Every structure is written in C-alpha cells, then in structure tokens.
Amino acid sequence: MTKIAVLGAGSWGTALANTAAENGHDVRLWTHNLNQVEEINQQHTNSKYLPHATLVDTLVATNDMFLAIENVEIVLSVVPTKAVREVAKKLATALEEQAHTVILAHATKGLEQGSYKRISEMIAEEVPEAYRSALVVISGPSHAEDVIKHDLTAVSIGSSDELAAKLLQKALSNETFRAYTNHDLLGSELFAALKNIVAIASGALIGLGYGVNAQAALLTRSLVEMRDLGAAMGAKPETLYELAGIGDLIVTGMSPNSRNYRAGLGLGKGKSLQQVTEEMGMVIEGVNTTKAVYDFSKMYHVDMPITSAVYQVLYENKPLRTAVADLMARPLKSED
C-alpha cells in the first residue's frame, strides 16, 4: 500500500484519487472547500465535478494540507494552472514543518500566464529541492468522466527519475487503467499544453458546421506544428507519437468531454469568448496557452499557422470564418 496525497478535488483530481484508492492505497484528497470535503467523506460523491459518480468509501478528503500530506510517499497536484503556485507554496510550508520529502507529481495541462513556464518549473520554484525527491507528470488521453466509469484508459507518466515514475505507475494501474512511463518530462508537459489549442480549433470547426474531414485535417496539420515547436524547445521527438502526444491530441481534439473543445464549439456557434467562459464555469486552459504558444512560435521562429489563427480569433477578434478561409488560402506547399 502506498500513501498518496492528491491536491485538488476537481474532476481529474477526484478521478485519479478514486483510482488509487480503489487499488487499495491510502489516499487523502485535499481541497480548500469544506462543503466538498463533507460531501466526499459523507456521501462519497463530488456532484459538482463528477455528477452521478459514486466514489470508493475509503477515499478520504480534507481541507487541511498538513493532514493531507502527513507521512505520504507521493503528492499529486491536480489544480488549475493559475492555482499551481499558491497550492505549491502551501505544500512547501507543510513539508517544511514535517521535514518531509516526497515524490512530487502533477497532472495539470497548461502553461503559466505571463512567464509561460511549464507546471514542473513552477512547482520546482515553489517547493525546495530538499522536500522533493523527483518531479513527475501524468499525461495522455484521459477524460475524468470516462475514468470514473472505468472506461479503458492509458496514460503516460513522465520523469527523469524512472523509479519514481514506476512507483506512481504501479499505484494507478489496474484492469481498466494502464500507465506507461517515459523519460521526457519537458515533451510530456509541452504537448499536453499544445493540444488544448487544437481542441479549441476543432470544436470551433464543428460549431461552424464542418465535419470529420475538417477535423482530421486540423489534427494532422496541428501535429506538424507540435512536432516543430517541440523540436525547437528540446522535446524528444518520439514523445509526440506516444500517449502524451498524439494520444492526448486525438481525445481532446474530438471529445465533447474536453472543456477546450466545448469552448471552441461555443465560439463556432457564435458565442463570445466571455459568454463561453461564463457558461463553462471552469478554467479553459487553452485560452492562456494560445497566447503563450503564439509567442513561443515567434521566439523560436517556428511557423504555426493554426496556432496563429486561434490566437487571432481569441485575442484580436478575427471572425472565425475569416480565419478558416485564410488558412485554406495559404500558399500551396508540399508535405515533405
């Protein structure tokens, strides 16, 4: 039995915590929301984020960070990008009080607004190295809504520390949830963020009335943009063609369970970004990521026309149909 603290009781954090608890591990799920703590502990549900799902009764929630991490081996952060630093600071304080060192993992897909840093970079800046033996990321095609229903799921666990990755792999894997490991932390995080941009574009195409031909072309050409930026930034090329890359791209770019896809769908149907954001009620990571990656494309001199088109729609109010028309009218070229 492994002792695990999961920070963040949104849909994905809850689903991962529930999976580990079902596997027989000692899991504490931290959330700042006391009402959510009481619902999880007393009713074994998290109705706001995973309606109709019943959680295993051995999963314990708490709003006390000190209690959440006491004597745990793994801390898994699953909070939105904008909350990563705040929660990491609370974690660092609790770890320091306990003089405790943990494997520090995360399952957040985004880049920090302003600094454009990856999640592991943010965490490393807030949690001193003395209190973390390894940094690990969980990525791959995995919607919480399907995981909680025990749909077959495979994810990738990336870290330069193979033993740490394997410990988390073993803790999460079962007959319906299979984890693989890789050594590319940078690529796993980068591609996990990039696919959110594609999901917005994919949803927008469907919202405009286009079909699977358009989606397939978008995903394929987006893969080229991801490959080129990844190469420029130092990601391992093979990661793109594995679960953390193309796997995550497919599921996020084509599933209504993706909030980024749903955001694009709303835009395609004529809603404003503000309307879409308010109706969603959850963080749309791809919006901030689009600006970061647009700037990356300029910084690294990588041609990313799809990313540029999404940026123009979100930040320059370019009409969607005009953006699509301009993409289709670009100078003809070879795939070679």
Protein backbone atom coordinates (compact mmCIF):
# COMPACT_ATOMS: atom_id res chain seq x y z
CA MET A 1 0.00 0.00 0.00
CA THR A 2 1.32 3.43 -0.99
CA LYS A 3 0.33 6.61 0.86
CA ILE A 4 -0.70 9.30 -1.59
CA ALA A 5 -1.97 12.88 -1.26
CA VAL A 6 -3.91 14.31 -4.21
CA LEU A 7 -4.20 18.10 -4.20
CA GLY A 8 -7.29 19.40 -5.99
CA ALA A 9 -10.74 17.84 -6.00
CA GLY A 10 -11.86 18.86 -9.46
CA SER A 11 -12.95 16.18 -11.92
CA TRP A 12 -9.46 14.91 -12.81
CA GLY A 13 -8.03 15.08 -9.31
CA THR A 14 -11.03 13.22 -7.94
CA ALA A 15 -10.89 10.56 -10.66
CA LEU A 16 -7.17 9.91 -10.08
CA ALA A 17 -7.60 9.82 -6.30
CA ASN A 18 -10.51 7.42 -6.65
CA THR A 19 -8.50 5.15 -8.97
CA ALA A 20 -5.61 4.92 -6.49
CA ALA A 21 -7.99 4.35 -3.56
CA GLU A 22 -9.81 1.60 -5.47
CA ASN A 23 -6.42 -0.03 -5.94
CA GLY A 24 -6.12 -0.32 -2.16
CA HIS A 25 -3.82 2.63 -1.46
CA ASP A 26 -4.13 5.13 1.40
CA VAL A 27 -5.32 8.26 -0.44
CA ARG A 28 -6.09 11.69 1.00
CA LEU A 29 -7.80 14.19 -1.34
CA TRP A 30 -7.14 17.82 -0.43
CA THR A 31 -9.47 20.68 -1.33
CA HIS A 32 -9.88 24.14 0.20
CA ASN A 33 -13.69 23.75 0.00
CA LEU A 34 -15.09 22.43 3.30
CA ASN A 35 -18.50 21.65 1.76
CA GLN A 36 -16.76 19.49 -0.82
CA VAL A 37 -14.82 17.70 1.94
CA GLU A 38 -18.05 16.88 3.77
CA GLU A 39 -19.79 15.65 0.60
CA ILE A 40 -16.91 13.35 -0.37
CA ASN A 41 -16.50 11.93 3.13
CA GLN A 42 -20.18 11.55 3.99
CA GLN A 43 -21.92 10.90 0.67
CA HIS A 44 -18.95 9.59 -1.36
CA THR A 45 -19.83 11.88 -4.27
CA ASN A 46 -18.42 15.01 -5.91
CA SER A 47 -21.57 16.20 -7.63
CA LYS A 48 -20.23 19.49 -8.98
CA TYR A 49 -17.44 17.91 -11.00
CA LEU A 50 -18.47 14.27 -11.46
CA PRO A 51 -22.27 14.10 -11.28
CA HIS A 52 -23.82 10.63 -10.96
CA ALA A 53 -20.47 9.08 -9.93
CA THR A 54 -20.02 7.18 -6.66
CA LEU A 55 -16.58 7.32 -5.07
CA VAL A 56 -14.97 4.47 -3.16
CA ASP A 57 -15.67 4.87 0.56
CA THR A 58 -12.01 4.51 1.54
CA LEU A 59 -11.15 7.80 -0.19
CA VAL A 60 -10.74 10.49 2.50
CA ALA A 61 -11.00 14.22 1.78
CA THR A 62 -9.58 17.03 3.92
CA ASN A 63 -9.07 20.79 3.74
CA ASP A 64 -6.00 20.59 5.99
CA MET A 65 -2.81 20.49 3.93
CA PHE A 66 -0.75 19.28 6.92
CA LEU A 67 -3.02 16.26 7.43
CA ALA A 68 -3.24 15.60 3.70
CA ILE A 69 0.50 15.08 3.27
CA GLU A 70 1.40 13.56 6.63
CA ASN A 71 3.65 10.51 6.04
CA VAL A 72 2.72 10.23 2.34
CA GLU A 73 5.19 8.98 -0.26
CA ILE A 74 3.65 10.72 -3.27
CA VAL A 75 2.00 14.13 -3.60
CA LEU A 76 0.00 14.53 -6.81
CA SER A 77 -1.05 18.09 -7.67
CA VAL A 78 -4.11 18.38 -9.92
CA VAL A 79 -5.10 22.03 -9.61
CA PRO A 80 -5.66 24.55 -12.44
CA THR A 81 -2.55 26.27 -13.79
CA LYS A 82 -3.45 29.60 -12.17
CA ALA A 83 -3.58 27.93 -8.73
CA VAL A 84 -0.34 25.90 -9.03
CA ARG A 85 1.96 28.39 -7.28
CA GLU A 86 -0.46 29.17 -4.44
CA VAL A 87 -1.02 25.49 -3.66
CA ALA A 88 2.67 24.65 -4.09
CA LYS A 89 3.56 27.32 -1.51
CA LYS A 90 1.10 25.77 0.98
CA LEU A 91 2.58 22.38 0.24
CA ALA A 92 6.13 23.64 0.77
CA THR A 93 5.19 25.08 4.16
CA ALA A 94 3.61 21.79 5.26
CA LEU A 95 6.58 19.75 4.01
CA GLU A 96 8.99 22.04 5.85
CA GLU A 97 7.01 21.73 9.10
CA GLN A 98 7.15 17.95 8.81
CA ALA A 99 10.74 17.83 7.47
CA HIS A 100 9.25 15.54 4.87
CA THR A 101 10.48 14.58 1.37
CA VAL A 102 8.06 13.26 -1.28
CA ILE A 103 7.81 12.30 -4.91
CA LEU A 104 6.08 15.35 -6.36
CA ALA A 105 3.82 14.66 -9.34
CA HIS A 106 1.24 16.72 -11.22
CA ALA A 107 -1.48 16.16 -13.78
CA THR A 108 -2.16 19.75 -14.89
CA LYS A 109 -2.06 20.62 -18.60
CA GLY A 110 -1.12 24.23 -19.22
CA LEU A 111 1.50 26.98 -19.16
CA GLU A 112 1.75 29.85 -16.68
CA GLN A 113 0.30 33.11 -17.90
CA GLY A 114 2.98 35.77 -18.27
CA SER A 115 6.06 33.63 -17.61
CA TYR A 116 4.97 30.76 -19.93
CA LYS A 117 6.66 28.30 -17.60
CA ARG A 118 5.69 24.63 -17.52
CA ILE A 119 3.95 23.25 -14.45
CA SER A 120 7.02 21.36 -13.18
CA GLU A 121 9.09 24.56 -13.47
CA MET A 122 6.55 26.44 -11.36
CA ILE A 123 6.44 23.70 -8.74
CA ALA A 124 10.24 23.45 -8.63
CA GLU A 125 10.44 27.20 -7.91
CA GLU A 126 7.99 26.98 -5.01
CA VAL A 127 8.91 23.65 -3.37
CA PRO A 128 12.58 23.46 -2.28
CA GLU A 129 14.56 20.54 -3.67
CA ALA A 130 15.15 19.27 -0.13
CA TYR A 131 11.47 18.29 0.08
CA ARG A 132 11.05 16.58 -3.30
CA SER A 133 12.95 13.52 -4.44
CA ALA A 134 11.58 13.62 -8.00
CA LEU A 135 9.30 15.57 -10.34
CA VAL A 136 6.74 13.56 -12.32
CA VAL A 137 3.94 14.38 -14.79
CA ILE A 138 0.84 12.37 -15.70
CA SER A 139 -0.39 12.99 -19.23
CA GLY A 140 -2.22 11.22 -22.05
CA PRO A 141 -5.76 10.66 -23.40
CA SER A 142 -7.79 10.55 -20.21
CA HIS A 143 -11.08 12.31 -19.55
CA ALA A 144 -12.08 12.11 -15.90
CA GLU A 145 -15.70 11.44 -16.86
CA ASP A 146 -14.64 8.20 -18.55
CA VAL A 147 -12.04 7.16 -15.97
CA ILE A 148 -14.56 7.35 -13.13
CA LYS A 149 -16.84 5.00 -15.13
CA HIS A 150 -13.94 2.54 -15.57
CA ASP A 151 -13.68 3.05 -19.31
CA LEU A 152 -10.42 1.61 -20.66
CA THR A 153 -7.74 4.28 -20.28
CA ALA A 154 -4.00 4.50 -20.87
CA VAL A 155 -1.79 7.36 -19.67
CA SER A 156 1.87 8.29 -19.72
CA ILE A 157 3.94 9.06 -16.62
CA GLY A 158 6.96 11.18 -17.47
CA SER A 159 10.02 11.75 -15.30
CA SER A 160 13.80 11.66 -15.44
CA ASP A 161 13.55 9.53 -12.28
CA GLU A 162 12.50 6.10 -13.53
CA LEU A 163 11.93 4.62 -10.07
CA ALA A 164 9.58 7.44 -9.09
CA ALA A 165 7.63 7.09 -12.33
CA LYS A 166 7.34 3.34 -11.80
CA LEU A 167 6.02 3.77 -8.25
CA LEU A 168 3.21 6.02 -9.49
CA GLN A 169 2.64 3.68 -12.45
CA LYS A 170 2.11 0.77 -10.08
CA ALA A 171 -0.15 2.78 -7.76
CA LEU A 172 -2.55 3.77 -10.54
CA SER A 173 -2.60 0.78 -12.88
CA ASN A 174 -5.41 -1.80 -12.78
CA GLU A 175 -7.61 -3.77 -15.18
CA THR A 176 -9.15 -0.63 -16.72
CA PHE A 177 -6.42 1.98 -16.14
CA ARG A 178 -2.98 1.32 -17.63
CA ALA A 179 0.01 3.59 -17.11
CA TYR A 180 3.21 3.67 -19.17
CA THR A 181 6.40 5.55 -18.27
CA ASN A 182 8.68 7.78 -20.29
CA HIS A 183 11.75 9.92 -19.60
CA ASP A 184 10.59 13.12 -21.34
CA LEU A 185 9.16 15.48 -18.72
CA LEU A 186 9.53 18.51 -20.98
CA GLY A 187 7.86 16.94 -24.01
CA SER A 188 5.04 15.43 -21.94
CA GLU A 189 4.19 18.82 -20.44
CA LEU A 190 4.63 20.80 -23.65
CA PHE A 191 2.46 18.55 -25.82
CA ALA A 192 -0.18 18.33 -23.09
CA ALA A 193 -0.48 22.11 -23.23
CA LEU A 194 -0.35 22.43 -27.03
CA LYS A 195 -3.23 20.05 -27.69
CA ASN A 196 -5.61 22.37 -25.80
CA ILE A 197 -5.20 24.95 -28.57
CA VAL A 198 -6.08 22.33 -31.17
CA ALA A 199 -9.15 21.31 -29.19
CA ILE A 200 -10.49 24.87 -29.30
CA ALA A 201 -9.95 24.94 -33.07
CA SER A 202 -11.55 21.52 -33.52
CA GLY A 203 -14.65 22.44 -31.55
CA ALA A 204 -14.91 25.69 -33.50
CA LEU A 205 -14.92 23.81 -36.82
CA ILE A 206 -17.79 21.61 -35.67
CA GLY A 207 -19.63 24.64 -34.32
CA LEU A 208 -19.31 26.26 -37.75
CA GLY A 209 -20.88 23.18 -39.34
CA TYR A 210 -17.82 21.45 -40.77
CA GLY A 211 -17.33 17.68 -40.43
CA VAL A 212 -14.76 14.98 -39.79
CA ASN A 213 -12.76 15.75 -42.93
CA ALA A 214 -12.02 19.17 -41.48
CA GLN A 215 -11.25 17.73 -38.04
CA ALA A 216 -8.86 15.12 -39.43
CA ALA A 217 -7.00 17.74 -41.48
CA LEU A 218 -6.78 20.05 -38.47
CA LEU A 219 -5.41 17.39 -36.12
CA THR A 220 -2.87 16.18 -38.67
CA ARG A 221 -1.54 19.61 -39.55
CA SER A 222 -1.53 20.58 -35.86
CA LEU A 223 0.68 17.58 -35.22
CA VAL A 224 3.23 19.15 -37.56
CA GLU A 225 3.15 22.39 -35.58
CA MET A 226 3.57 20.48 -32.32
CA ARG A 227 6.47 18.48 -33.79
CA ASP A 228 8.31 21.58 -34.99
CA LEU A 229 7.91 23.57 -31.78
CA GLY A 230 8.78 20.54 -29.68
CA ALA A 231 11.99 20.04 -31.62
CA ALA A 232 12.91 23.71 -31.21
CA MET A 233 12.31 23.57 -27.44
CA GLY A 234 14.10 20.28 -26.79
CA ALA A 235 11.30 17.72 -26.53
CA LYS A 236 12.12 14.16 -27.56
CA PRO A 237 10.55 13.51 -30.99
CA GLU A 238 9.20 10.07 -30.03
CA THR A 239 7.05 11.58 -27.25
CA LEU A 240 4.85 13.27 -29.85
CA TYR A 241 3.84 9.90 -31.30
CA GLU A 242 3.01 8.32 -27.96
CA LEU A 243 0.19 8.77 -25.40
CA ALA A 244 1.42 12.16 -24.15
CA GLY A 245 1.40 13.48 -27.71
CA ILE A 246 -0.89 12.14 -30.40
CA GLY A 247 -2.97 10.15 -27.89
CA ASP A 248 -3.89 13.25 -25.91
CA LEU A 249 -4.34 15.25 -29.11
CA ILE A 250 -6.92 12.82 -30.50
CA VAL A 251 -9.08 12.55 -27.39
CA THR A 252 -9.00 16.26 -26.55
CA GLY A 253 -9.45 17.36 -30.13
CA MET A 254 -12.52 15.20 -30.79
CA SER A 255 -14.36 14.69 -27.49
CA PRO A 256 -17.21 16.82 -26.10
CA ASN A 257 -15.86 15.94 -22.64
CA SER A 258 -12.98 18.35 -23.33
CA ARG A 259 -13.76 21.80 -21.97
CA ASN A 260 -11.42 23.30 -24.60
CA TYR A 261 -13.38 21.51 -27.34
CA ARG A 262 -16.65 22.74 -25.83
CA ALA A 263 -15.27 26.28 -25.69
CA GLY A 264 -14.44 26.12 -29.39
CA LEU A 265 -17.86 24.67 -30.13
CA GLY A 266 -19.48 27.66 -28.44
CA LEU A 267 -17.32 30.08 -30.40
CA GLY A 268 -18.24 28.31 -33.63
CA LYS A 269 -21.93 28.74 -32.80
CA GLY A 270 -21.48 32.49 -32.49
CA LYS A 271 -20.93 32.98 -28.76
CA SER A 272 -18.32 35.41 -27.48
CA LEU A 273 -15.31 34.19 -25.50
CA GLN A 274 -16.74 35.88 -22.41
CA GLN A 275 -20.07 34.05 -22.83
CA VAL A 276 -18.32 30.74 -23.30
CA THR A 277 -16.12 31.27 -20.22
CA GLU A 278 -19.05 32.25 -18.01
CA GLU A 279 -21.20 29.33 -19.16
CA MET A 280 -18.36 26.84 -18.70
CA GLY A 281 -17.74 27.77 -15.08
CA MET A 282 -14.35 26.02 -15.25
CA VAL A 283 -10.88 27.00 -16.39
CA ILE A 284 -10.32 26.83 -20.16
CA GLU A 285 -6.56 26.21 -20.17
CA GLY A 286 -6.24 26.52 -23.94
CA VAL A 287 -7.06 30.24 -23.97
CA ASN A 288 -3.98 31.31 -22.00
CA THR A 289 -1.92 28.57 -23.64
CA THR A 290 -2.72 30.00 -27.08
CA LYS A 291 -1.04 33.31 -26.24
CA ALA A 292 1.97 31.56 -24.74
CA VAL A 293 2.48 29.28 -27.73
CA TYR A 294 1.89 32.11 -30.21
CA ASP A 295 4.75 33.96 -28.51
CA PHE A 296 6.85 30.79 -28.47
CA SER A 297 6.39 30.47 -32.24
CA LYS A 298 7.88 33.93 -32.70
CA MET A 299 10.65 33.34 -30.17
CA TYR A 300 11.74 30.04 -31.74
CA HIS A 301 10.97 31.05 -35.36
CA VAL A 302 8.53 28.19 -35.90
CA ASP A 303 5.75 28.53 -38.49
CA MET A 304 2.46 27.75 -36.67
CA PRO A 305 -0.44 28.98 -38.83
CA ILE A 306 -3.18 27.11 -36.93
CA THR A 307 -1.98 28.46 -33.59
CA SER A 308 -1.76 31.95 -35.12
CA ALA A 309 -5.32 31.66 -36.43
CA VAL A 310 -6.65 30.63 -32.99
CA TYR A 311 -4.71 33.50 -31.42
CA GLN A 312 -6.23 36.00 -33.85
CA VAL A 313 -9.74 34.77 -33.08
CA LEU A 314 -9.27 34.81 -29.30
CA TYR A 315 -7.14 37.93 -28.88
CA GLU A 316 -7.73 40.05 -31.98
CA ASN A 317 -11.45 39.35 -32.54
CA LYS A 318 -10.89 37.97 -36.01
CA PRO A 319 -14.10 36.34 -37.32
CA LEU A 320 -13.87 32.54 -37.25
CA ARG A 321 -14.95 32.03 -40.84
CA THR A 322 -12.37 34.55 -41.99
CA ALA A 323 -9.66 32.73 -40.03
CA VAL A 324 -10.66 29.41 -41.64
CA ALA A 325 -10.77 30.96 -45.11
CA ASP A 326 -7.33 32.50 -44.65
CA LEU A 327 -5.87 29.15 -43.55
CA MET A 328 -7.28 27.42 -46.64
CA ALA A 329 -5.96 30.19 -48.90
CA ARG A 330 -2.36 29.96 -47.72
CA PRO A 331 0.24 29.33 -50.47
CA LEU A 332 0.24 25.70 -51.60
CA LYS A 333 3.15 23.58 -50.38
CA SER A 334 4.47 20.03 -50.11
CA GLU A 335 4.17 17.85 -47.01
CA ASP A 336 7.79 16.75 -47.47
